[in-house]
PDB file of N, CA and C in Angstrom:
ATOM      1  N   UNK A   1      33.720   5.703 -15.415  1.00  0.00           N
ATOM      2  CA  UNK A   1      32.593   5.730 -14.509  1.00  0.00           C
ATOM      3  C   UNK A   1      33.097   5.347 -13.119  1.00  0.00           C
ATOM      4  N   UNK A   2      32.884   6.204 -12.122  1.00  0.00           N
ATOM      5  CA  UNK A   2      33.362   5.892 -10.769  1.00  0.00           C
ATOM      6  C   UNK A   2      32.542   4.768 -10.147  1.00  0.00           C
ATOM      7  N   UNK A   3      33.188   3.997  -9.300  1.00  0.00           N
ATOM      8  CA  UNK A   3      32.494   2.893  -8.624  1.00  0.00           C
ATOM      9  C   UNK A   3      31.645   3.428  -7.483  1.00  0.00           C
ATOM     10  N   UNK A   4      30.563   2.732  -7.214  1.00  0.00           N
ATOM     11  CA  UNK A   4      29.638   3.108  -6.152  1.00  0.00           C
ATOM     12  C   UNK A   4      29.764   2.112  -5.004  1.00  0.00           C
ATOM     13  N   UNK A   5      29.634   2.570  -3.758  1.00  0.00           N
ATOM     14  CA  UNK A   5      29.680   1.621  -2.634  1.00  0.00           C
ATOM     15  C   UNK A   5      28.477   0.682  -2.673  1.00  0.00           C
ATOM     16  N   UNK A   6      28.705  -0.550  -2.239  1.00  0.00           N
ATOM     17  CA  UNK A   6      27.641  -1.550  -2.229  1.00  0.00           C
ATOM     18  C   UNK A   6      26.614  -1.236  -1.159  1.00  0.00           C
ATOM     19  N   UNK A   7      27.061  -0.895   0.017  1.00  0.00           N
ATOM     20  CA  UNK A   7      26.135  -0.583   1.105  1.00  0.00           C
ATOM     21  C   UNK A   7      25.939   0.927   1.178  1.00  0.00           C
ATOM     22  N   UNK A   8      24.732   1.365   1.546  1.00  0.00           N
ATOM     23  CA  UNK A   8      24.485   2.802   1.638  1.00  0.00           C
ATOM     24  C   UNK A   8      25.302   3.421   2.755  1.00  0.00           C
ATOM     25  N   UNK A   9      25.642   4.668   2.554  1.00  0.00           N
ATOM     26  CA  UNK A   9      26.420   5.353   3.576  1.00  0.00           C
ATOM     27  C   UNK A   9      25.545   5.651   4.783  1.00  0.00           C
ATOM     28  N   UNK A  10      26.142   5.781   5.974  1.00  0.00           N
ATOM     29  CA  UNK A  10      25.352   6.080   7.174  1.00  0.00           C
ATOM     30  C   UNK A  10      24.642   7.421   7.018  1.00  0.00           C
ATOM     31  N   UNK A  11      23.469   7.495   7.556  1.00  0.00           N
ATOM     32  CA  UNK A  11      22.707   8.726   7.507  1.00  0.00           C
ATOM     33  C   UNK A  11      21.684   8.756   6.391  1.00  0.00           C
ATOM     34  N   UNK A  12      21.787   7.847   5.450  1.00  0.00           N
ATOM     35  CA  UNK A  12      20.814   7.790   4.364  1.00  0.00           C
ATOM     36  C   UNK A  12      19.766   6.744   4.683  1.00  0.00           C
ATOM     37  N   UNK A  13      18.609   6.886   4.078  1.00  0.00           N
ATOM     38  CA  UNK A  13      17.556   5.892   4.273  1.00  0.00           C
ATOM     39  C   UNK A  13      16.591   6.311   5.361  1.00  0.00           C
ATOM     40  N   UNK A  14      15.722   5.387   5.693  1.00  0.00           N
ATOM     41  CA  UNK A  14      14.695   5.648   6.697  1.00  0.00           C
ATOM     42  C   UNK A  14      15.305   5.675   8.088  1.00  0.00           C
ATOM     43  N   UNK A  15      14.788   6.535   8.951  1.00  0.00           N
ATOM     44  CA  UNK A  15      15.284   6.539  10.329  1.00  0.00           C
ATOM     45  C   UNK A  15      14.943   5.226  11.027  1.00  0.00           C
ATOM     46  N   UNK A  16      15.828   4.792  11.867  1.00  0.00           N
ATOM     47  CA  UNK A  16      15.626   3.516  12.561  1.00  0.00           C
ATOM     48  C   UNK A  16      15.335   3.772  14.031  1.00  0.00           C
ATOM     49  N   UNK A  17      14.473   2.944  14.580  1.00  0.00           N
ATOM     50  CA  UNK A  17      14.201   3.015  16.008  1.00  0.00           C
ATOM     51  C   UNK A  17      14.727   1.753  16.647  1.00  0.00           C
ATOM     52  N   UNK A  18      15.227   1.875  17.834  1.00  0.00           N
ATOM     53  CA  UNK A  18      15.825   0.718  18.492  1.00  0.00           C
ATOM     54  C   UNK A  18      14.821  -0.090  19.295  1.00  0.00           C
ATOM     55  N   UNK A  19      13.679   0.466  19.621  1.00  0.00           N
ATOM     56  CA  UNK A  19      12.758  -0.247  20.497  1.00  0.00           C
ATOM     57  C   UNK A  19      11.454  -0.663  19.828  1.00  0.00           C
ATOM     58  N   UNK A  20      11.270  -0.397  18.566  1.00  0.00           N
ATOM     59  CA  UNK A  20      10.047  -0.808  17.884  1.00  0.00           C
ATOM     60  C   UNK A  20       8.826  -0.020  18.305  1.00  0.00           C
ATOM     61  N   UNK A  21       9.025   1.182  18.836  1.00  0.00           N
ATOM     62  CA  UNK A  21       7.899   1.984  19.321  1.00  0.00           C
ATOM     63  C   UNK A  21       6.955   2.366  18.187  1.00  0.00           C
ATOM     64  N   UNK A  22       7.496   2.579  16.986  1.00  0.00           N
ATOM     65  CA  UNK A  22       6.641   2.949  15.857  1.00  0.00           C
ATOM     66  C   UNK A  22       5.646   1.843  15.543  1.00  0.00           C
ATOM     67  N   UNK A  23       6.102   0.597  15.543  1.00  0.00           N
ATOM     68  CA  UNK A  23       5.208  -0.525  15.256  1.00  0.00           C
ATOM     69  C   UNK A  23       4.128  -0.632  16.319  1.00  0.00           C
ATOM     70  N   UNK A  24       4.519  -0.511  17.573  1.00  0.00           N
ATOM     71  CA  UNK A  24       3.557  -0.597  18.673  1.00  0.00           C
ATOM     72  C   UNK A  24       2.523   0.515  18.570  1.00  0.00           C
ATOM     73  N   UNK A  25       2.991   1.714  18.263  1.00  0.00           N
ATOM     74  CA  UNK A  25       2.073   2.849  18.137  1.00  0.00           C
ATOM     75  C   UNK A  25       1.093   2.635  16.987  1.00  0.00           C
ATOM     76  N   UNK A  26       1.580   2.163  15.860  1.00  0.00           N
ATOM     77  CA  UNK A  26       0.708   1.908  14.711  1.00  0.00           C
ATOM     78  C   UNK A  26      -0.284   0.796  15.016  1.00  0.00           C
ATOM     79  N   UNK A  27       0.162  -0.216  15.738  1.00  0.00           N
ATOM     80  CA  UNK A  27      -0.724  -1.315  16.099  1.00  0.00           C
ATOM     81  C   UNK A  27      -1.845  -0.824  17.004  1.00  0.00           C
ATOM     82  N   UNK A  28      -1.517  -0.009  17.992  1.00  0.00           N
ATOM     83  CA  UNK A  28      -2.538   0.532  18.887  1.00  0.00           C
ATOM     84  C   UNK A  28      -3.524   1.421  18.140  1.00  0.00           C
ATOM     85  N   UNK A  29      -3.015   2.237  17.209  1.00  0.00           N
ATOM     86  CA  UNK A  29      -3.909   3.099  16.424  1.00  0.00           C
ATOM     87  C   UNK A  29      -4.852   2.263  15.574  1.00  0.00           C
ATOM     88  N   UNK A  30      -4.337   1.183  15.007  1.00  0.00           N
ATOM     89  CA  UNK A  30      -5.184   0.302  14.194  1.00  0.00           C
ATOM     90  C   UNK A  30      -6.262  -0.346  15.054  1.00  0.00           C
ATOM     91  N   UNK A  31      -5.902  -0.770  16.263  1.00  0.00           N
ATOM     92  CA  UNK A  31      -6.889  -1.375  17.158  1.00  0.00           C
ATOM     93  C   UNK A  31      -7.934  -0.355  17.601  1.00  0.00           C
ATOM     94  N   UNK A  32      -7.506   0.875  17.816  1.00  0.00           N
ATOM     95  CA  UNK A  32      -8.465   1.929  18.160  1.00  0.00           C
ATOM     96  C   UNK A  32      -9.432   2.171  17.005  1.00  0.00           C
ATOM     97  N   UNK A  33      -8.920   2.118  15.780  1.00  0.00           N
ATOM     98  CA  UNK A  33      -9.777   2.306  14.608  1.00  0.00           C
ATOM     99  C   UNK A  33     -10.794   1.176  14.497  1.00  0.00           C
ATOM    100  N   UNK A  34     -10.367  -0.058  14.757  1.00  0.00           N
ATOM    101  CA  UNK A  34     -11.298  -1.193  14.742  1.00  0.00           C
ATOM    102  C   UNK A  34     -12.375  -0.985  15.799  1.00  0.00           C
ATOM    103  N   UNK A  35     -11.969  -0.557  16.972  1.00  0.00           N
ATOM    104  CA  UNK A  35     -12.926  -0.299  18.049  1.00  0.00           C
ATOM    105  C   UNK A  35     -13.911   0.805  17.659  1.00  0.00           C
ATOM    106  N   UNK A  36     -13.411   1.869  17.042  1.00  0.00           N
ATOM    107  CA  UNK A  36     -14.295   2.960  16.615  1.00  0.00           C
ATOM    108  C   UNK A  36     -15.288   2.487  15.558  1.00  0.00           C
ATOM    109  N   UNK A  37     -14.837   1.654  14.627  1.00  0.00           N
ATOM    110  CA  UNK A  37     -15.746   1.125  13.611  1.00  0.00           C
ATOM    111  C   UNK A  37     -16.824   0.245  14.241  1.00  0.00           C
ATOM    112  N   UNK A  38     -16.448  -0.532  15.256  1.00  0.00           N
ATOM    113  CA  UNK A  38     -17.428  -1.365  15.952  1.00  0.00           C
ATOM    114  C   UNK A  38     -18.468  -0.489  16.661  1.00  0.00           C
ATOM    115  N   UNK A  39     -18.003   0.577  17.298  1.00  0.00           N
ATOM    116  CA  UNK A  39     -18.926   1.489  17.990  1.00  0.00           C
ATOM    117  C   UNK A  39     -19.868   2.177  17.009  1.00  0.00           C
ATOM    118  N   UNK A  40     -19.329   2.610  15.860  1.00  0.00           N
ATOM    119  CA  UNK A  40     -20.171   3.246  14.844  1.00  0.00           C
ATOM    120  C   UNK A  40     -21.228   2.275  14.328  1.00  0.00           C
ATOM    121  N   UNK A  41     -20.838   1.032  14.106  1.00  0.00           N
ATOM    122  CA  UNK A  41     -21.791   0.028  13.623  1.00  0.00           C
ATOM    123  C   UNK A  41     -22.871  -0.234  14.668  1.00  0.00           C
ATOM    124  N   UNK A  42     -22.464  -0.349  15.926  1.00  0.00           N
ATOM    125  CA  UNK A  42     -23.442  -0.558  17.000  1.00  0.00           C
ATOM    126  C   UNK A  42     -24.437   0.594  17.067  1.00  0.00           C
ATOM    127  N   UNK A  43     -23.918   1.821  16.957  1.00  0.00           N
ATOM    128  CA  UNK A  43     -24.793   2.993  17.020  1.00  0.00           C
ATOM    129  C   UNK A  43     -25.724   3.040  15.815  1.00  0.00           C
ATOM    130  N   UNK A  44     -25.221   2.692  14.642  1.00  0.00           N
ATOM    131  CA  UNK A  44     -26.058   2.704  13.436  1.00  0.00           C
ATOM    132  C   UNK A  44     -27.187   1.688  13.542  1.00  0.00           C
ATOM    133  N   UNK A  45     -26.881   0.500  14.046  1.00  0.00           N
ATOM    134  CA  UNK A  45     -27.914  -0.533  14.219  1.00  0.00           C
ATOM    135  C   UNK A  45     -28.929  -0.091  15.269  1.00  0.00           C
ATOM    136  N   UNK A  46     -28.449   0.499  16.349  1.00  0.00           N
ATOM    137  CA  UNK A  46     -29.341   0.988  17.401  1.00  0.00           C
ATOM    138  C   UNK A  46     -30.260   2.089  16.864  1.00  0.00           C
ATOM    139  N   UNK A  47     -29.703   2.991  16.060  1.00  0.00           N
ATOM    140  CA  UNK A  47     -30.519   4.063  15.481  1.00  0.00           C
ATOM    141  C   UNK A  47     -31.617   3.504  14.582  1.00  0.00           C
ATOM    142  N   UNK A  48     -31.291   2.485  13.799  1.00  0.00           N
ATOM    143  CA  UNK A  48     -32.307   1.864  12.935  1.00  0.00           C
ATOM    144  C   UNK A  48     -33.365   1.177  13.793  1.00  0.00           C
ATOM    145  N   UNK A  49     -32.932   0.472  14.831  1.00  0.00           N
ATOM    146  CA  UNK A  49     -33.869  -0.258  15.688  1.00  0.00           C
ATOM    147  C   UNK A  49     -34.813   0.687  16.432  1.00  0.00           C
ATOM    148  N   UNK A  50     -34.307   1.857  16.816  1.00  0.00           N
ATOM    149  CA  UNK A  50     -35.125   2.820  17.553  1.00  0.00           C
ATOM    150  C   UNK A  50     -35.917   3.746  16.637  1.00  0.00           C
ATOM    151  N   UNK A  51     -35.719   3.630  15.340  1.00  0.00           N
ATOM    152  CA  UNK A  51     -36.445   4.463  14.401  1.00  0.00           C
ATOM    153  C   UNK A  51     -35.843   5.836  14.187  1.00  0.00           C
ATOM    154  N   UNK A  52     -34.664   6.092  14.728  1.00  0.00           N
ATOM    155  CA  UNK A  52     -34.004   7.383  14.538  1.00  0.00           C
ATOM    156  C   UNK A  52     -33.422   7.512  13.136  1.00  0.00           C
ATOM    157  N   UNK A  53     -33.130   6.392  12.529  1.00  0.00           N
ATOM    158  CA  UNK A  53     -32.526   6.362  11.197  1.00  0.00           C
ATOM    159  C   UNK A  53     -33.335   5.432  10.321  1.00  0.00           C
ATOM    160  N   UNK A  54     -33.741   5.924   9.160  1.00  0.00           N
ATOM    161  CA  UNK A  54     -34.520   5.092   8.247  1.00  0.00           C
ATOM    162  C   UNK A  54     -33.649   4.448   7.174  1.00  0.00           C
ATOM    163  N   UNK A  55     -32.417   4.893   7.053  1.00  0.00           N
ATOM    164  CA  UNK A  55     -31.524   4.385   6.023  1.00  0.00           C
ATOM    165  C   UNK A  55     -30.836   3.112   6.515  1.00  0.00           C
ATOM    166  N   UNK A  56     -31.413   1.991   6.183  1.00  0.00           N
ATOM    167  CA  UNK A  56     -30.864   0.698   6.589  1.00  0.00           C
ATOM    168  C   UNK A  56     -29.533   0.420   5.906  1.00  0.00           C
ATOM    169  N   UNK A  57     -29.363   0.951   4.697  1.00  0.00           N
ATOM    170  CA  UNK A  57     -28.119   0.713   3.963  1.00  0.00           C
ATOM    171  C   UNK A  57     -26.909   1.245   4.725  1.00  0.00           C
ATOM    172  N   UNK A  58     -27.051   2.416   5.323  1.00  0.00           N
ATOM    173  CA  UNK A  58     -25.947   3.007   6.081  1.00  0.00           C
ATOM    174  C   UNK A  58     -25.553   2.105   7.240  1.00  0.00           C
ATOM    175  N   UNK A  59     -26.533   1.552   7.910  1.00  0.00           N
ATOM    176  CA  UNK A  59     -26.265   0.670   9.045  1.00  0.00           C
ATOM    177  C   UNK A  59     -25.589  -0.619   8.586  1.00  0.00           C
ATOM    178  N   UNK A  60     -26.054  -1.176   7.482  1.00  0.00           N
ATOM    179  CA  UNK A  60     -25.465  -2.423   6.980  1.00  0.00           C
ATOM    180  C   UNK A  60     -24.032  -2.186   6.512  1.00  0.00           C
ATOM    181  N   UNK A  61     -23.798  -1.050   5.858  1.00  0.00           N
ATOM    182  CA  UNK A  61     -22.439  -0.730   5.407  1.00  0.00           C
ATOM    183  C   UNK A  61     -21.518  -0.536   6.608  1.00  0.00           C
ATOM    184  N   UNK A  62     -21.977   0.163   7.632  1.00  0.00           N
ATOM    185  CA  UNK A  62     -21.170   0.355   8.842  1.00  0.00           C
ATOM    186  C   UNK A  62     -20.872  -0.980   9.504  1.00  0.00           C
ATOM    187  N   UNK A  63     -21.858  -1.854   9.536  1.00  0.00           N
ATOM    188  CA  UNK A  63     -21.667  -3.179  10.128  1.00  0.00           C
ATOM    189  C   UNK A  63     -20.655  -3.993   9.330  1.00  0.00           C
ATOM    190  N   UNK A  64     -20.724  -3.928   8.017  1.00  0.00           N
ATOM    191  CA  UNK A  64     -19.794  -4.682   7.177  1.00  0.00           C
ATOM    192  C   UNK A  64     -18.370  -4.131   7.282  1.00  0.00           C
ATOM    193  N   UNK A  65     -18.233  -2.808   7.354  1.00  0.00           N
ATOM    194  CA  UNK A  65     -16.898  -2.215   7.537  1.00  0.00           C
ATOM    195  C   UNK A  65     -16.290  -2.678   8.858  1.00  0.00           C
ATOM    196  N   UNK A  66     -17.095  -2.693   9.909  1.00  0.00           N
ATOM    197  CA  UNK A  66     -16.613  -3.147  11.209  1.00  0.00           C
ATOM    198  C   UNK A  66     -16.242  -4.621  11.159  1.00  0.00           C
ATOM    199  N   UNK A  67     -17.035  -5.412  10.466  1.00  0.00           N
ATOM    200  CA  UNK A  67     -16.764  -6.839  10.342  1.00  0.00           C
ATOM    201  C   UNK A  67     -15.451  -7.085   9.599  1.00  0.00           C
ATOM    202  N   UNK A  68     -15.228  -6.356   8.511  1.00  0.00           N
ATOM    203  CA  UNK A  68     -13.986  -6.508   7.754  1.00  0.00           C
ATOM    204  C   UNK A  68     -12.773  -6.078   8.578  1.00  0.00           C
ATOM    205  N   UNK A  69     -12.900  -4.979   9.306  1.00  0.00           N
ATOM    206  CA  UNK A  69     -11.798  -4.499  10.134  1.00  0.00           C
ATOM    207  C   UNK A  69     -11.470  -5.496  11.238  1.00  0.00           C
ATOM    208  N   UNK A  70     -12.494  -6.065  11.845  1.00  0.00           N
ATOM    209  CA  UNK A  70     -12.266  -7.055  12.890  1.00  0.00           C
ATOM    210  C   UNK A  70     -11.621  -8.314  12.317  1.00  0.00           C
ATOM    211  N   UNK A  71     -12.077  -8.737  11.150  1.00  0.00           N
ATOM    212  CA  UNK A  71     -11.476  -9.900  10.502  1.00  0.00           C
ATOM    213  C   UNK A  71     -10.006  -9.678  10.194  1.00  0.00           C
ATOM    214  N   UNK A  72      -9.662  -8.480   9.732  1.00  0.00           N
ATOM    215  CA  UNK A  72      -8.265  -8.159   9.466  1.00  0.00           C
ATOM    216  C   UNK A  72      -7.452  -8.166  10.756  1.00  0.00           C
ATOM    217  N   UNK A  73      -8.004  -7.602  11.822  1.00  0.00           N
ATOM    218  CA  UNK A  73      -7.301  -7.588  13.108  1.00  0.00           C
ATOM    219  C   UNK A  73      -7.055  -9.004  13.612  1.00  0.00           C
ATOM    220  N   UNK A  74      -8.007  -9.883  13.435  1.00  0.00           N
ATOM    221  CA  UNK A  74      -7.841 -11.280  13.854  1.00  0.00           C
ATOM    222  C   UNK A  74      -6.741 -11.947  13.036  1.00  0.00           C
ATOM    223  N   UNK A  75      -6.697 -11.683  11.734  1.00  0.00           N
ATOM    224  CA  UNK A  75      -5.654 -12.268  10.889  1.00  0.00           C
ATOM    225  C   UNK A  75      -4.268 -11.764  11.289  1.00  0.00           C
ATOM    226  N   UNK A  76      -4.158 -10.474  11.609  1.00  0.00           N
ATOM    227  CA  UNK A  76      -2.878  -9.926  12.067  1.00  0.00           C
ATOM    228  C   UNK A  76      -2.476 -10.581  13.376  1.00  0.00           C
ATOM    229  N   UNK A  77      -3.445 -10.737  14.281  1.00  0.00           N
ATOM    230  CA  UNK A  77      -3.155 -11.406  15.551  1.00  0.00           C
ATOM    231  C   UNK A  77      -2.657 -12.821  15.322  1.00  0.00           C
ATOM    232  N   UNK A  78      -3.303 -13.545  14.421  1.00  0.00           N
ATOM    233  CA  UNK A  78      -2.892 -14.918  14.126  1.00  0.00           C
ATOM    234  C   UNK A  78      -1.470 -14.963  13.586  1.00  0.00           C
ATOM    235  N   UNK A  79      -1.112 -14.019  12.721  1.00  0.00           N
ATOM    236  CA  UNK A  79       0.243 -13.980  12.168  1.00  0.00           C
ATOM    237  C   UNK A  79       1.265 -13.657  13.249  1.00  0.00           C
ATOM    238  N   UNK A  80       0.920 -12.755  14.156  1.00  0.00           N
ATOM    239  CA  UNK A  80       1.835 -12.414  15.251  1.00  0.00           C
ATOM    240  C   UNK A  80       2.051 -13.623  16.148  1.00  0.00           C
ATOM    241  N   UNK A  81       0.984 -14.334  16.474  1.00  0.00           N
ATOM    242  CA  UNK A  81       1.106 -15.531  17.308  1.00  0.00           C
ATOM    243  C   UNK A  81       1.928 -16.594  16.593  1.00  0.00           C
ATOM    244  N   UNK A  82       1.689 -16.764  15.304  1.00  0.00           N
ATOM    245  CA  UNK A  82       2.442 -17.743  14.523  1.00  0.00           C
ATOM    246  C   UNK A  82       3.934 -17.391  14.496  1.00  0.00           C
ATOM    247  N   UNK A  83       4.255 -16.108  14.332  1.00  0.00           N
ATOM    248  CA  UNK A  83       5.653 -15.676  14.331  1.00  0.00           C
ATOM    249  C   UNK A  83       6.285 -15.905  15.700  1.00  0.00           C
ATOM    250  N   UNK A  84       5.557 -15.606  16.760  1.00  0.00           N
ATOM    251  CA  UNK A  84       6.071 -15.830  18.113  1.00  0.00           C
ATOM    252  C   UNK A  84       6.352 -17.309  18.347  1.00  0.00           C
ATOM    253  N   UNK A  85       5.424 -18.167  17.931  1.00  0.00           N
ATOM    254  CA  UNK A  85       5.622 -19.604  18.109  1.00  0.00           C
ATOM    255  C   UNK A  85       6.820 -20.098  17.310  1.00  0.00           C
ATOM    256  N   UNK A  86       7.014 -19.549  16.125  1.00  0.00           N
ATOM    257  CA  UNK A  86       8.161 -19.935  15.305  1.00  0.00           C
ATOM    258  C   UNK A  86       9.466 -19.523  15.982  1.00  0.00           C
ATOM    259  N   UNK A  87       9.486 -18.348  16.569  1.00  0.00           N
ATOM    260  CA  UNK A  87      10.676 -17.889  17.288  1.00  0.00           C
ATOM    261  C   UNK A  87      10.940 -18.784  18.487  1.00  0.00           C
ATOM    262  N   UNK A  88       9.894 -19.179  19.194  1.00  0.00           N
ATOM    263  CA  UNK A  88      10.072 -20.031  20.374  1.00  0.00           C
ATOM    264  C   UNK A  88      10.575 -21.424  20.001  1.00  0.00           C
ATOM    265  N   UNK A  89      10.313 -21.876  18.774  1.00  0.00           N
ATOM    266  CA  UNK A  89      10.795 -23.186  18.333  1.00  0.00           C
ATOM    267  C   UNK A  89      12.259 -23.167  17.900  1.00  0.00           C
ATOM    268  N   UNK A  90      12.807 -21.981  17.715  1.00  0.00           N
ATOM    269  CA  UNK A  90      14.204 -21.884  17.275  1.00  0.00           C
ATOM    270  C   UNK A  90      15.133 -22.377  18.366  1.00  0.00           C
ATOM    271  N   UNK A  91      16.149 -23.089  17.924  1.00  0.00           N
ATOM    272  CA  UNK A  91      17.154 -23.560  18.872  1.00  0.00           C
ATOM    273  C   UNK A  91      18.293 -22.555  18.918  1.00  0.00           C
ATOM    274  N   UNK A  92      18.714 -22.249  20.135  1.00  0.00           N
ATOM    275  CA  UNK A  92      19.779 -21.262  20.305  1.00  0.00           C
ATOM    276  C   UNK A  92      21.093 -21.933  20.538  1.00  0.00           C
TER     277      UNK A  92
END
């Protein structure tokens, strides 16, 4: 049985980016999605209040989805801040 190299050969695996642009792009898209969910919830509540929509369940579900998305965004923000603070505490 031939031996296999321990480390993967160059060119295999996921493509790497040097500037982290993929993470930034994904983060912005996630924030845009949270914003869109908030807008949808606001519109659903407004429609119920104005009598344009009689389905209260749809409005409550939209509001809860927006609430969950915002809560997740806050938790991600907290983790990013915590990681930044940990890096700043490192001694060089």
